[in-house]
Amino acid sequence: MERAKPLQSAVALAYQTGDTAPKIVAKGNGLIAEEIIARAREHGVFVHESKELVALLMQVELDRDIPPALYRAVAELLAWLYRIEAAGQARDNA
């Protein structure tokens, strides 16, 4: 007997300089999650997979700042993404 594949979940964050914290701008399961991921990739946004972090972020209401308990995890992820982007730009300019 085949097991059903668990629904995929996705959360999109936005952060602008001056914001108090990153904000949940999209979230969903199944087809909605697939669309969030597809649109991110279409726009060159890096997609990071972390089931544990997504599960925690799914509990935050849409258009709300992430809770202080998640600041460190999200800050580490954003710092990692900025380093990836900077390395890519340095290669493009070389």
C-alpha atoms as a PDB file:
ATOM      1  CA  MET A   1       0.000   0.000   0.000  1.00  0.00           C
ATOM      2  CA  GLU A   2       1.409   3.370  -1.000  1.00  0.00           C
ATOM      3  CA  ARG A   3       1.529   6.157   1.505  1.00  0.00           C
ATOM      4  CA  ALA A   4       0.167   9.524   0.489  1.00  0.00           C
ATOM      5  CA  LYS A   5       2.844  12.111  -0.007  1.00  0.00           C
ATOM      6  CA  PRO A   6       2.556  14.749   2.742  1.00  0.00           C
ATOM      7  CA  LEU A   7       1.373  18.143   1.591  1.00  0.00           C
ATOM      8  CA  GLN A   8       4.135  20.602   0.926  1.00  0.00           C
ATOM      9  CA  SER A   9       4.085  23.821   2.921  1.00  0.00           C
ATOM     10  CA  ALA A  10       5.670  27.138   2.060  1.00  0.00           C
ATOM     11  CA  VAL A  11       6.099  30.508   3.728  1.00  0.00           C
ATOM     12  CA  ALA A  12       7.319  33.702   2.084  1.00  0.00           C
ATOM     13  CA  LEU A  13       9.026  36.383   4.146  1.00  0.00           C
ATOM     14  CA  ALA A  14       9.724  40.005   3.316  1.00  0.00           C
ATOM     15  CA  TYR A  15      12.138  42.318   5.085  1.00  0.00           C
ATOM     16  CA  GLN A  16      12.984  45.897   4.258  1.00  0.00           C
ATOM     17  CA  THR A  17      15.636  48.017   5.908  1.00  0.00           C
ATOM     18  CA  GLY A  18      13.944  49.848   8.750  1.00  0.00           C
ATOM     19  CA  ASP A  19      11.349  47.145   9.407  1.00  0.00           C
ATOM     20  CA  THR A  20      11.209  45.916  12.976  1.00  0.00           C
ATOM     21  CA  ALA A  21      11.211  42.275  11.820  1.00  0.00           C
ATOM     22  CA  PRO A  22      10.625  40.141   8.728  1.00  0.00           C
ATOM     23  CA  LYS A  23       6.951  39.761   7.872  1.00  0.00           C
ATOM     24  CA  ILE A  24       4.967  36.756   6.621  1.00  0.00           C
ATOM     25  CA  VAL A  25       3.722  37.824   3.183  1.00  0.00           C
ATOM     26  CA  ALA A  26       2.448  34.473   1.887  1.00  0.00           C
ATOM     27  CA  LYS A  27       1.904  30.997   3.253  1.00  0.00           C
ATOM     28  CA  GLY A  28       0.056  27.873   2.306  1.00  0.00           C
ATOM     29  CA  ASN A  29      -0.061  24.128   1.781  1.00  0.00           C
ATOM     30  CA  GLY A  30      -0.360  21.916  -1.274  1.00  0.00           C
ATOM     31  CA  LEU A  31      -1.074  23.799  -4.499  1.00  0.00           C
ATOM     32  CA  ILE A  32      -0.716  27.171  -2.781  1.00  0.00           C
ATOM     33  CA  ALA A  33       2.720  26.176  -1.492  1.00  0.00           C
ATOM     34  CA  GLU A  34       3.728  25.012  -4.955  1.00  0.00           C
ATOM     35  CA  GLU A  35       2.622  28.360  -6.412  1.00  0.00           C
ATOM     36  CA  ILE A  36       4.550  30.333  -3.751  1.00  0.00           C
ATOM     37  CA  ILE A  37       7.693  28.353  -4.589  1.00  0.00           C
ATOM     38  CA  ALA A  38       7.177  28.664  -8.351  1.00  0.00           C
ATOM     39  CA  ARG A  39       6.701  32.437  -8.165  1.00  0.00           C
ATOM     40  CA  ALA A  40       9.766  32.822  -5.964  1.00  0.00           C
ATOM     41  CA  ARG A  41      11.879  30.910  -8.472  1.00  0.00           C
ATOM     42  CA  GLU A  42      10.403  32.880 -11.414  1.00  0.00           C
ATOM     43  CA  HIS A  43      11.620  36.071  -9.736  1.00  0.00           C
ATOM     44  CA  GLY A  44      15.048  34.723  -8.845  1.00  0.00           C
ATOM     45  CA  VAL A  45      14.268  34.425  -5.149  1.00  0.00           C
ATOM     46  CA  PHE A  46      16.234  31.677  -3.456  1.00  0.00           C
ATOM     47  CA  VAL A  47      14.065  28.923  -1.976  1.00  0.00           C
ATOM     48  CA  HIS A  48      15.361  27.411   1.264  1.00  0.00           C
ATOM     49  CA  GLU A  49      13.908  24.177   2.592  1.00  0.00           C
ATOM     50  CA  SER A  50      13.510  23.768   6.334  1.00  0.00           C
ATOM     51  CA  LYS A  51      10.449  21.802   7.416  1.00  0.00           C
ATOM     52  CA  GLU A  52      10.973  22.760  11.047  1.00  0.00           C
ATOM     53  CA  LEU A  53      11.224  26.499  10.379  1.00  0.00           C
ATOM     54  CA  VAL A  54       8.290  26.428   7.958  1.00  0.00           C
ATOM     55  CA  ALA A  55       6.166  24.614  10.550  1.00  0.00           C
ATOM     56  CA  LEU A  56       6.905  27.351  13.083  1.00  0.00           C
ATOM     57  CA  LEU A  57       6.328  30.176  10.593  1.00  0.00           C
ATOM     58  CA  MET A  58       3.016  28.641   9.450  1.00  0.00           C
ATOM     59  CA  GLN A  59       1.683  29.429  12.936  1.00  0.00           C
ATOM     60  CA  VAL A  60       2.221  33.178  12.366  1.00  0.00           C
ATOM     61  CA  GLU A  61      -0.701  35.060  10.856  1.00  0.00           C
ATOM     62  CA  LEU A  62      -0.376  36.539   7.384  1.00  0.00           C
ATOM     63  CA  ASP A  63       0.991  40.117   7.261  1.00  0.00           C
ATOM     64  CA  ARG A  64       2.403  39.803  10.785  1.00  0.00           C
ATOM     65  CA  ASP A  65       6.000  40.181  11.907  1.00  0.00           C
ATOM     66  CA  ILE A  66       7.734  36.987  12.886  1.00  0.00           C
ATOM     67  CA  PRO A  67       7.814  36.494  16.669  1.00  0.00           C
ATOM     68  CA  PRO A  68      10.976  37.382  18.607  1.00  0.00           C
ATOM     69  CA  ALA A  69      11.556  33.683  19.363  1.00  0.00           C
ATOM     70  CA  LEU A  70      12.289  33.146  15.640  1.00  0.00           C
ATOM     71  CA  TYR A  71      14.502  36.224  15.099  1.00  0.00           C
ATOM     72  CA  ARG A  72      17.774  34.334  15.398  1.00  0.00           C
ATOM     73  CA  ALA A  73      16.810  31.468  13.070  1.00  0.00           C
ATOM     74  CA  VAL A  74      15.474  33.839  10.424  1.00  0.00           C
ATOM     75  CA  ALA A  75      18.416  36.255  10.824  1.00  0.00           C
ATOM     76  CA  GLU A  76      20.866  33.415  10.245  1.00  0.00           C
ATOM     77  CA  LEU A  77      18.929  32.369   7.150  1.00  0.00           C
ATOM     78  CA  LEU A  78      18.836  35.938   5.789  1.00  0.00           C
ATOM     79  CA  ALA A  79      22.563  36.428   6.455  1.00  0.00           C
ATOM     80  CA  TRP A  80      23.288  33.195   4.592  1.00  0.00           C
ATOM     81  CA  LEU A  81      21.119  34.323   1.652  1.00  0.00           C
ATOM     82  CA  TYR A  82      22.818  37.736   1.515  1.00  0.00           C
ATOM     83  CA  ARG A  83      26.226  35.997   1.372  1.00  0.00           C
ATOM     84  CA  ILE A  84      25.031  33.773  -1.487  1.00  0.00           C
ATOM     85  CA  GLU A  85      23.704  36.797  -3.387  1.00  0.00           C
ATOM     86  CA  ALA A  86      26.892  38.784  -2.783  1.00  0.00           C
ATOM     87  CA  ALA A  87      29.053  35.886  -3.991  1.00  0.00           C
ATOM     88  CA  GLY A  88      26.920  35.582  -7.122  1.00  0.00           C
ATOM     89  CA  GLN A  89      27.197  39.298  -7.836  1.00  0.00           C
ATOM     90  CA  ALA A  90      30.975  39.204  -7.317  1.00  0.00           C
ATOM     91  CA  ARG A  91      31.242  36.347  -9.846  1.00  0.00           C
ATOM     92  CA  ASP A  92      29.044  38.226 -12.313  1.00  0.00           C
ATOM     93  CA  ASN A  93      31.233  41.345 -12.005  1.00  0.00           C
ATOM     94  CA  ALA A  94      34.516  39.431 -12.352  1.00  0.00           C
END
